């Protein structure tokens, strides 16, 4: 989920993602909340799920991995983003949201990264602090 929101937030017209629900509409997200999101698919360790999703490994199709990575599309016109990540997430490494935060900062895009206790899925579902911080961020961004 966070990966797809990242693509919607960063990939604008001409990104080669014509199947996006926003493609051709001129619509852009006004703000985004991404949790546990893989941001640079080519920098993930070998991952059966990602290879199944993309139909190839990163060595076979580096172009496809780049096109499927939100990090590829960061620009100064991206919406403000609240990133959160579980400190003990074993599915997506903590370096992933940090890569996005660094790219957003270089581009001048407002963002916040909150590292919460917990793992991948239950960080957002059970951590009221994450929900509260995300709502506060959205209130300020919108």
C-alpha atoms as a PDB file:
ATOM      1  CA  UNK A   1       0.000   0.000   0.000  1.00  0.00           C
ATOM      2  CA  UNK A   2       2.666   2.527   0.978  1.00  0.00           C
ATOM      3  CA  UNK A   3       4.610   1.728  -2.188  1.00  0.00           C
ATOM      4  CA  UNK A   4       1.598   2.516  -4.378  1.00  0.00           C
ATOM      5  CA  UNK A   5       0.855   5.735  -2.512  1.00  0.00           C
ATOM      6  CA  UNK A   6       4.511   6.683  -3.022  1.00  0.00           C
ATOM      7  CA  UNK A   7       4.150   6.174  -6.772  1.00  0.00           C
ATOM      8  CA  UNK A   8       0.935   8.204  -6.868  1.00  0.00           C
ATOM      9  CA  UNK A   9       2.618  11.006  -4.915  1.00  0.00           C
ATOM     10  CA  UNK A  10       5.795  11.182  -6.984  1.00  0.00           C
ATOM     11  CA  UNK A  11       5.078   9.960 -10.520  1.00  0.00           C
ATOM     12  CA  UNK A  12       3.537  12.723 -12.577  1.00  0.00           C
ATOM     13  CA  UNK A  13       2.523  12.886 -16.212  1.00  0.00           C
ATOM     14  CA  UNK A  14       5.111  11.358 -18.507  1.00  0.00           C
ATOM     15  CA  UNK A  15       6.417   8.916 -15.893  1.00  0.00           C
ATOM     16  CA  UNK A  16       5.414   5.943 -18.020  1.00  0.00           C
ATOM     17  CA  UNK A  17       2.715   4.798 -15.607  1.00  0.00           C
ATOM     18  CA  UNK A  18      -0.249   5.274 -17.899  1.00  0.00           C
ATOM     19  CA  UNK A  19      -2.327   2.732 -15.993  1.00  0.00           C
ATOM     20  CA  UNK A  20      -2.354   4.986 -12.911  1.00  0.00           C
ATOM     21  CA  UNK A  21      -5.889   5.939 -11.815  1.00  0.00           C
ATOM     22  CA  UNK A  22      -4.780   9.591 -11.924  1.00  0.00           C
ATOM     23  CA  UNK A  23      -3.108   9.400 -15.345  1.00  0.00           C
ATOM     24  CA  UNK A  24      -4.479  11.925 -17.783  1.00  0.00           C
ATOM     25  CA  UNK A  25      -6.766  13.489 -15.185  1.00  0.00           C
ATOM     26  CA  UNK A  26      -4.443  16.351 -14.283  1.00  0.00           C
ATOM     27  CA  UNK A  27      -5.071  15.401 -10.632  1.00  0.00           C
ATOM     28  CA  UNK A  28      -2.247  15.146  -8.113  1.00  0.00           C
ATOM     29  CA  UNK A  29      -2.310  14.129  -4.500  1.00  0.00           C
ATOM     30  CA  UNK A  30      -2.287  17.139  -2.178  1.00  0.00           C
ATOM     31  CA  UNK A  31      -0.531  15.237   0.629  1.00  0.00           C
ATOM     32  CA  UNK A  32       0.455  11.636   1.300  1.00  0.00           C
ATOM     33  CA  UNK A  33       1.040   9.268   4.207  1.00  0.00           C
ATOM     34  CA  UNK A  34       3.335   6.312   3.489  1.00  0.00           C
ATOM     35  CA  UNK A  35       3.975   3.544   5.967  1.00  0.00           C
ATOM     36  CA  UNK A  36       6.494   0.727   5.632  1.00  0.00           C
ATOM     37  CA  UNK A  37       6.912   1.603   1.975  1.00  0.00           C
ATOM     38  CA  UNK A  38       9.561   0.109  -0.296  1.00  0.00           C
ATOM     39  CA  UNK A  39      10.873   3.192  -2.093  1.00  0.00           C
ATOM     40  CA  UNK A  40      13.837   1.955  -4.136  1.00  0.00           C
ATOM     41  CA  UNK A  41      12.991  -1.548  -5.310  1.00  0.00           C
ATOM     42  CA  UNK A  42      16.433  -2.083  -6.801  1.00  0.00           C
ATOM     43  CA  UNK A  43      17.990  -1.593  -3.357  1.00  0.00           C
ATOM     44  CA  UNK A  44      15.904  -4.242  -1.615  1.00  0.00           C
ATOM     45  CA  UNK A  45      17.506  -7.586  -0.809  1.00  0.00           C
ATOM     46  CA  UNK A  46      16.478 -10.467  -3.067  1.00  0.00           C
ATOM     47  CA  UNK A  47      12.723 -10.559  -2.749  1.00  0.00           C
ATOM     48  CA  UNK A  48      10.481 -13.235  -4.227  1.00  0.00           C
ATOM     49  CA  UNK A  49       7.349 -11.071  -3.883  1.00  0.00           C
ATOM     50  CA  UNK A  50       8.856  -8.140  -5.786  1.00  0.00           C
ATOM     51  CA  UNK A  51      10.207 -10.453  -8.490  1.00  0.00           C
ATOM     52  CA  UNK A  52       6.723 -11.959  -8.892  1.00  0.00           C
ATOM     53  CA  UNK A  53       5.154  -8.509  -9.003  1.00  0.00           C
ATOM     54  CA  UNK A  54       7.533  -7.221 -11.670  1.00  0.00           C
ATOM     55  CA  UNK A  55       8.077 -10.504 -13.515  1.00  0.00           C
ATOM     56  CA  UNK A  56      11.879 -10.334 -13.340  1.00  0.00           C
ATOM     57  CA  UNK A  57      14.813  -9.846 -11.022  1.00  0.00           C
ATOM     58  CA  UNK A  58      16.600  -6.498 -10.664  1.00  0.00           C
ATOM     59  CA  UNK A  59      19.631  -7.676 -12.666  1.00  0.00           C
ATOM     60  CA  UNK A  60      17.370  -8.757 -15.545  1.00  0.00           C
ATOM     61  CA  UNK A  61      15.261  -5.583 -15.719  1.00  0.00           C
ATOM     62  CA  UNK A  62      16.882  -2.654 -13.905  1.00  0.00           C
ATOM     63  CA  UNK A  63      14.752  -0.291 -16.015  1.00  0.00           C
ATOM     64  CA  UNK A  64      11.563  -1.871 -14.682  1.00  0.00           C
ATOM     65  CA  UNK A  65      12.769  -1.684 -11.084  1.00  0.00           C
ATOM     66  CA  UNK A  66      13.572   2.010 -11.538  1.00  0.00           C
ATOM     67  CA  UNK A  67      10.145   2.698 -13.083  1.00  0.00           C
ATOM     68  CA  UNK A  68       8.433   0.912 -10.180  1.00  0.00           C
ATOM     69  CA  UNK A  69      10.371   2.880  -7.536  1.00  0.00           C
ATOM     70  CA  UNK A  70       8.898   6.093  -6.100  1.00  0.00           C
ATOM     71  CA  UNK A  71      12.435   7.356  -5.458  1.00  0.00           C
ATOM     72  CA  UNK A  72      12.965   7.628  -9.236  1.00  0.00           C
ATOM     73  CA  UNK A  73      10.278  10.289  -9.627  1.00  0.00           C
ATOM     74  CA  UNK A  74      10.900  12.723  -6.744  1.00  0.00           C
ATOM     75  CA  UNK A  75      10.587  16.342  -7.916  1.00  0.00           C
ATOM     76  CA  UNK A  76      10.035  19.694  -6.187  1.00  0.00           C
ATOM     77  CA  UNK A  77       6.327  19.680  -7.102  1.00  0.00           C
ATOM     78  CA  UNK A  78       5.596  16.514  -5.093  1.00  0.00           C
ATOM     79  CA  UNK A  79       3.033  16.844  -2.297  1.00  0.00           C
ATOM     80  CA  UNK A  80       4.029  17.012   1.373  1.00  0.00           C
ATOM     81  CA  UNK A  81       4.612  13.522   2.756  1.00  0.00           C
ATOM     82  CA  UNK A  82       4.433  11.924   6.175  1.00  0.00           C
ATOM     83  CA  UNK A  83       6.603   8.799   6.244  1.00  0.00           C
ATOM     84  CA  UNK A  84       6.474   6.317   9.079  1.00  0.00           C
ATOM     85  CA  UNK A  85       8.289   3.068   9.569  1.00  0.00           C
ATOM     86  CA  UNK A  86       8.392   0.384  12.228  1.00  0.00           C
ATOM     87  CA  UNK A  87      11.780   0.190  13.934  1.00  0.00           C
ATOM     88  CA  UNK A  88      11.620  -3.596  13.903  1.00  0.00           C
ATOM     89  CA  UNK A  89      10.185  -3.958  10.382  1.00  0.00           C
ATOM     90  CA  UNK A  90      11.822  -7.072   8.924  1.00  0.00           C
ATOM     91  CA  UNK A  91       9.967  -6.865   5.588  1.00  0.00           C
ATOM     92  CA  UNK A  92      11.147  -3.418   4.430  1.00  0.00           C
ATOM     93  CA  UNK A  93      14.495  -2.136   5.693  1.00  0.00           C
ATOM     94  CA  UNK A  94      14.535   1.160   7.591  1.00  0.00           C
ATOM     95  CA  UNK A  95      16.875   2.607   4.972  1.00  0.00           C
ATOM     96  CA  UNK A  96      13.993   2.801   2.475  1.00  0.00           C
ATOM     97  CA  UNK A  97      12.030   5.718   4.021  1.00  0.00           C
ATOM     98  CA  UNK A  98      15.311   7.459   4.823  1.00  0.00           C
ATOM     99  CA  UNK A  99      16.219   7.398   1.125  1.00  0.00           C
ATOM    100  CA  UNK A 100      12.903   9.040   0.289  1.00  0.00           C
ATOM    101  CA  UNK A 101      13.249  11.604   3.051  1.00  0.00           C
ATOM    102  CA  UNK A 102      16.707  12.603   1.806  1.00  0.00           C
ATOM    103  CA  UNK A 103      15.437  12.932  -1.783  1.00  0.00           C
ATOM    104  CA  UNK A 104      12.413  14.961  -0.682  1.00  0.00           C
ATOM    105  CA  UNK A 105      14.606  17.278   1.370  1.00  0.00           C
ATOM    106  CA  UNK A 106      16.972  17.817  -1.587  1.00  0.00           C
ATOM    107  CA  UNK A 107      13.923  18.648  -3.729  1.00  0.00           C
ATOM    108  CA  UNK A 108      12.533  21.034  -1.096  1.00  0.00           C
ATOM    109  CA  UNK A 109       9.406  18.966  -0.438  1.00  0.00           C
ATOM    110  CA  UNK A 110       7.927  19.198   3.052  1.00  0.00           C
ATOM    111  CA  UNK A 111       8.155  15.850   4.832  1.00  0.00           C
ATOM    112  CA  UNK A 112       8.364  14.154   8.192  1.00  0.00           C
ATOM    113  CA  UNK A 113       9.799  10.746   8.995  1.00  0.00           C
ATOM    114  CA  UNK A 114       8.591   9.058  12.159  1.00  0.00           C
ATOM    115  CA  UNK A 115      10.165   5.786  13.221  1.00  0.00           C
ATOM    116  CA  UNK A 116       7.692   4.001  15.429  1.00  0.00           C
ATOM    117  CA  UNK A 117       8.180   0.978  17.620  1.00  0.00           C
ATOM    118  CA  UNK A 118       6.844  -2.172  16.035  1.00  0.00           C
ATOM    119  CA  UNK A 119       7.001  -4.080  12.818  1.00  0.00           C
ATOM    120  CA  UNK A 120       5.595  -3.730   9.333  1.00  0.00           C
ATOM    121  CA  UNK A 121       1.803  -4.029   9.324  1.00  0.00           C
ATOM    122  CA  UNK A 122       0.763  -3.474  12.918  1.00  0.00           C
ATOM    123  CA  UNK A 123       2.710  -0.243  13.342  1.00  0.00           C
ATOM    124  CA  UNK A 124      -0.101   1.754  11.766  1.00  0.00           C
ATOM    125  CA  UNK A 125      -2.969  -0.496  12.772  1.00  0.00           C
ATOM    126  CA  UNK A 126      -2.180  -0.561  16.471  1.00  0.00           C
ATOM    127  CA  UNK A 127       0.005   2.478  17.175  1.00  0.00           C
ATOM    128  CA  UNK A 128      -2.212   5.431  18.065  1.00  0.00           C
ATOM    129  CA  UNK A 129       0.832   7.729  18.121  1.00  0.00           C
ATOM    130  CA  UNK A 130       1.484   7.078  14.414  1.00  0.00           C
ATOM    131  CA  UNK A 131      -2.149   7.779  13.567  1.00  0.00           C
ATOM    132  CA  UNK A 132      -2.163  10.972  15.645  1.00  0.00           C
ATOM    133  CA  UNK A 133       1.068  12.255  14.081  1.00  0.00           C
ATOM    134  CA  UNK A 134      -0.150  11.445  10.572  1.00  0.00           C
ATOM    135  CA  UNK A 135      -3.434  13.297  11.157  1.00  0.00           C
ATOM    136  CA  UNK A 136      -1.585  16.303  12.586  1.00  0.00           C
ATOM    137  CA  UNK A 137       0.710  16.332   9.548  1.00  0.00           C
ATOM    138  CA  UNK A 138      -2.245  16.161   7.154  1.00  0.00           C
ATOM    139  CA  UNK A 139      -4.046  18.934   9.062  1.00  0.00           C
ATOM    140  CA  UNK A 140      -0.987  21.146   8.609  1.00  0.00           C
ATOM    141  CA  UNK A 141      -0.460  20.193   4.957  1.00  0.00           C
ATOM    142  CA  UNK A 142      -4.059  20.555   3.873  1.00  0.00           C
END
